[in-house]
C-alpha atoms as a PDB file:
ATOM      1  CA  MET A   1      34.548  37.573 182.849  1.00  0.00           C
ATOM      2  CA  ARG A   2      35.212  36.223 186.353  1.00  0.00           C
ATOM      3  CA  TYR A   3      37.421  39.216 187.072  1.00  0.00           C
ATOM      4  CA  LEU A   4      34.573  41.606 186.208  1.00  0.00           C
ATOM      5  CA  ALA A   5      32.163  39.679 188.444  1.00  0.00           C
ATOM      6  CA  GLY A   6      34.666  39.888 191.314  1.00  0.00           C
ATOM      7  CA  VAL A   7      35.040  43.632 190.847  1.00  0.00           C
ATOM      8  CA  LEU A   8      31.276  44.154 190.778  1.00  0.00           C
ATOM      9  CA  LEU A   9      30.821  42.095 193.949  1.00  0.00           C
ATOM     10  CA  ALA A  10      33.478  44.172 195.707  1.00  0.00           C
ATOM     11  CA  LEU A  11      31.669  47.458 195.068  1.00  0.00           C
ATOM     12  CA  PRO A  12      29.789  48.860 198.040  1.00  0.00           C
ATOM     13  CA  VAL A  13      26.016  48.506 198.016  1.00  0.00           C
ATOM     14  CA  VAL A  14      24.241  51.849 197.967  1.00  0.00           C
ATOM     15  CA  ALA A  15      21.446  51.787 200.502  1.00  0.00           C
ATOM     16  CA  GLU A  16      18.330  53.908 200.276  1.00  0.00           C
ATOM     17  CA  PRO A  17      18.187  56.723 202.817  1.00  0.00           C
ATOM     18  CA  ILE A  18      16.227  55.993 205.978  1.00  0.00           C
ATOM     19  CA  THR A  19      13.010  57.983 206.285  1.00  0.00           C
ATOM     20  CA  PHE A  20      10.600  58.375 209.175  1.00  0.00           C
ATOM     21  CA  ASN A  21       7.489  57.452 207.195  1.00  0.00           C
ATOM     22  CA  LYS A  22       8.964  54.434 205.452  1.00  0.00           C
ATOM     23  CA  ASP A  23      11.288  52.976 208.090  1.00  0.00           C
ATOM     24  CA  ILE A  24      10.666  54.373 211.572  1.00  0.00           C
ATOM     25  CA  ALA A  25       6.917  55.045 211.789  1.00  0.00           C
ATOM     26  CA  PRO A  26       5.855  51.418 211.187  1.00  0.00           C
ATOM     27  CA  ILE A  27       8.040  50.286 214.101  1.00  0.00           C
ATOM     28  CA  ILE A  28       6.794  53.064 216.404  1.00  0.00           C
ATOM     29  CA  PHE A  29       3.150  52.513 215.464  1.00  0.00           C
ATOM     30  CA  HIS A  30       3.415  48.747 215.983  1.00  0.00           C
ATOM     31  CA  SER A  31       5.579  48.669 219.123  1.00  0.00           C
ATOM     32  CA  CYS A  32       5.034  51.971 220.939  1.00  0.00           C
ATOM     33  CA  ALA A  33       1.849  53.751 219.901  1.00  0.00           C
ATOM     34  CA  PRO A  34      -0.591  51.272 221.470  1.00  0.00           C
ATOM     35  CA  CYS A  35       0.456  52.618 224.905  1.00  0.00           C
ATOM     36  CA  HIS A  36       1.914  55.976 223.826  1.00  0.00           C
ATOM     37  CA  ARG A  37      -1.340  57.675 222.907  1.00  0.00           C
ATOM     38  CA  PRO A  38      -3.723  59.911 224.834  1.00  0.00           C
ATOM     39  CA  GLY A  39      -5.721  58.004 227.426  1.00  0.00           C
ATOM     40  CA  GLU A  40      -3.357  55.033 227.640  1.00  0.00           C
ATOM     41  CA  ALA A  41      -0.722  54.039 230.228  1.00  0.00           C
ATOM     42  CA  ALA A  42       2.342  55.811 228.796  1.00  0.00           C
ATOM     43  CA  PRO A  43       3.055  59.371 229.972  1.00  0.00           C
ATOM     44  CA  PHE A  44       3.464  60.950 226.502  1.00  0.00           C
ATOM     45  CA  PRO A  45       2.174  60.292 222.981  1.00  0.00           C
ATOM     46  CA  LEU A  46       4.312  59.021 220.101  1.00  0.00           C
ATOM     47  CA  LEU A  47       1.983  59.535 217.169  1.00  0.00           C
ATOM     48  CA  THR A  48       3.797  62.144 215.068  1.00  0.00           C
ATOM     49  CA  TYR A  49       7.330  62.750 213.851  1.00  0.00           C
ATOM     50  CA  GLU A  50       7.633  65.741 216.188  1.00  0.00           C
ATOM     51  CA  GLU A  51       6.592  63.703 219.232  1.00  0.00           C
ATOM     52  CA  VAL A  52       8.968  60.871 218.419  1.00  0.00           C
ATOM     53  CA  LYS A  53      11.845  63.263 217.669  1.00  0.00           C
ATOM     54  CA  SER A  54      11.399  65.076 220.983  1.00  0.00           C
ATOM     55  CA  HIS A  55      11.956  61.771 222.840  1.00  0.00           C
ATOM     56  CA  ALA A  56      14.753  60.407 220.677  1.00  0.00           C
END
């Protein structure tokens, strides 16, 4: 039984794919969007996937 547990622990962990909506957007909206929106100090908006991608 210990051998099986050791083998299972050695298997790689399969991570979920990273998505913009789930993983990236919350960071951008919290850390960047307060300034990166029309009428604020930053020179370009970062409110959509397309805007963020064009500055990546």
